Amino acid sequence: MIGSKTYQWAMTPDKHMVLCFQSVYNTQIFGGALLTASLSNFHDEELATATAEINKILAAAERTNPGKDLAFLETPRGFLLAWCGRGVSYESDEQEVLKFLRLKKPKARKKA
C-alpha cells in the first residue's frame, strides 16, 4: 500500500515480469522493508534483531538493482518477494493512465 492506495499484481503472459497496479484488491505491498517496533511481548529482542537483519539484506538488494521496485506479493501459499514493474488499470488515477498509455487529451469540440 502506498498511502491509502492499494495494489494488485499480475504476471505478464510471457511470464517474464510481474506488473503491479492500483486496485481495490490489496494483494501487493511496495517497499522492501519490514516495520520495526519497540520491544514488547509480541516483538521481542529476537524478532527485532531478525527484522534489522532482513531489512539490511533487502536494502542491499535494492541498492544493487536501481530502477526496480521491490514488493511483497500475496499468493495463495504465502508471501513472495519479487521485482515488479509498474502498470496501470481502470482503477488507477486518470493522470497515471494518460501518462502510461500516452493518451492525448481530446480536443474541445466546436459548438454548432
Protein backbone atom coordinates (compact mmCIF):
# COMPACT_ATOMS: atom_id res chain seq x y z
CA MET A 1 0.00 0.00 0.00
CA ILE A 2 1.24 3.49 -0.81
CA GLY A 3 -0.65 6.00 1.31
CA SER A 4 -4.29 4.98 1.07
CA LYS A 5 -3.84 3.34 -2.35
CA THR A 6 -3.92 -0.44 -2.61
CA TYR A 7 -2.26 -2.51 -5.32
CA GLN A 8 -2.70 -5.84 -7.07
CA TRP A 9 -0.19 -7.84 -9.09
CA ALA A 10 -0.43 -9.83 -12.30
CA MET A 11 2.05 -11.91 -14.30
CA THR A 12 2.64 -10.94 -17.94
CA PRO A 13 1.59 -13.61 -20.48
CA ASP A 14 5.23 -14.40 -21.33
CA LYS A 15 5.89 -14.92 -17.58
CA HIS A 16 8.91 -12.63 -17.64
CA MET A 17 7.54 -9.83 -15.47
CA VAL A 18 5.20 -9.18 -12.60
CA LEU A 19 3.18 -5.97 -13.01
CA CYS A 20 1.74 -4.09 -10.06
CA PHE A 21 -1.15 -1.70 -10.48
CA GLN A 22 -3.66 0.23 -8.39
CA SER A 23 -6.66 -1.88 -7.44
CA VAL A 24 -9.27 -2.40 -4.76
CA TYR A 25 -7.70 -5.84 -4.26
CA ASN A 26 -4.77 -5.39 -1.89
CA THR A 27 -2.51 -8.32 -2.83
CA GLN A 28 0.77 -6.45 -3.21
CA ILE A 29 2.86 -4.20 -0.98
CA PHE A 30 5.63 -1.98 -2.37
CA GLY A 31 8.75 -1.45 -0.36
CA GLY A 32 11.49 -3.71 0.75
CA ALA A 33 11.45 -3.06 4.48
CA LEU A 34 9.74 -4.63 7.42
CA LEU A 35 8.37 -2.35 10.11
CA THR A 36 10.22 -2.00 13.38
CA ALA A 37 8.63 -1.60 16.80
CA SER A 38 9.58 -1.07 20.40
CA LEU A 39 10.41 -4.24 22.27
CA SER A 40 7.36 -5.97 23.71
CA ASN A 41 5.95 -9.42 24.43
CA PHE A 42 4.90 -9.74 20.79
CA HIS A 43 8.05 -8.14 19.26
CA ASP A 44 10.93 -9.27 21.43
CA GLU A 45 14.71 -8.87 21.03
CA GLU A 46 15.00 -11.94 18.79
CA LEU A 47 12.36 -10.63 16.36
CA ALA A 48 13.80 -7.10 16.47
CA THR A 49 17.24 -8.46 15.56
CA ALA A 50 15.81 -10.63 12.77
CA THR A 51 13.89 -7.63 11.41
CA ALA A 52 17.04 -5.49 11.34
CA GLU A 53 19.00 -8.23 9.53
CA ILE A 54 16.24 -8.77 6.96
CA ASN A 55 15.99 -5.02 6.32
CA LYS A 56 19.77 -4.82 5.71
CA ILE A 57 19.55 -7.62 3.15
CA LEU A 58 16.57 -6.01 1.39
CA ALA A 59 18.24 -2.58 1.33
CA ALA A 60 21.37 -4.11 -0.22
CA ALA A 61 19.28 -5.82 -2.91
CA GLU A 62 17.54 -2.53 -3.74
CA ARG A 63 20.87 -0.66 -3.96
CA THR A 64 22.29 -3.17 -6.43
CA ASN A 65 19.13 -3.15 -8.58
CA PRO A 66 18.36 0.51 -9.34
CA GLY A 67 15.18 1.14 -11.27
CA LYS A 68 13.46 -1.98 -9.98
CA ASP A 69 10.60 -1.93 -7.49
CA LEU A 70 10.82 -4.47 -4.68
CA ALA A 71 7.47 -5.77 -3.50
CA PHE A 72 5.85 -8.37 -1.30
CA LEU A 73 3.24 -10.30 -3.30
CA GLU A 74 0.43 -12.11 -1.52
CA THR A 75 -0.14 -15.53 -3.09
CA PRO A 76 -2.43 -18.43 -2.11
CA ARG A 77 0.60 -20.10 -0.46
CA GLY A 78 2.09 -17.08 1.34
CA PHE A 79 4.16 -14.00 0.55
CA LEU A 80 6.74 -13.80 -2.25
CA LEU A 81 9.43 -11.15 -2.54
CA ALA A 82 9.67 -10.03 -6.18
CA TRP A 83 10.83 -7.28 -8.53
CA CYS A 84 7.76 -5.62 -10.01
CA GLY A 85 7.16 -3.38 -12.97
CA ARG A 86 4.61 -0.62 -12.63
CA GLY A 87 1.41 -0.82 -14.61
CA VAL A 88 -1.99 0.81 -14.65
CA SER A 89 -5.54 -0.45 -14.59
CA TYR A 90 -9.00 1.01 -14.97
CA GLU A 91 -8.86 1.78 -11.23
CA SER A 92 -5.64 3.83 -11.49
CA ASP A 93 -5.60 7.60 -11.22
CA GLU A 94 -6.60 9.20 -14.52
CA GLN A 95 -3.30 11.08 -14.85
CA GLU A 96 -1.35 7.82 -14.38
CA VAL A 97 -3.42 6.13 -17.11
CA LEU A 98 -2.96 9.07 -19.50
CA LYS A 99 0.80 9.07 -18.92
CA PHE A 100 1.30 5.29 -19.03
CA LEU A 101 -0.78 4.75 -22.18
CA ARG A 102 0.46 8.01 -23.75
CA LEU A 103 -3.09 9.13 -24.33
CA LYS A 104 -3.75 12.59 -25.65
CA LYS A 105 -6.44 14.72 -24.12
CA PRO A 106 -9.37 15.06 -26.52
CA LYS A 107 -9.64 18.39 -28.28
CA ALA A 108 -12.61 20.52 -27.39
CA ARG A 109 -15.38 20.12 -29.93
CA LYS A 110 -16.63 23.16 -31.75
CA LYS A 111 -20.19 24.05 -30.93
CA ALA A 112 -22.53 24.08 -33.90
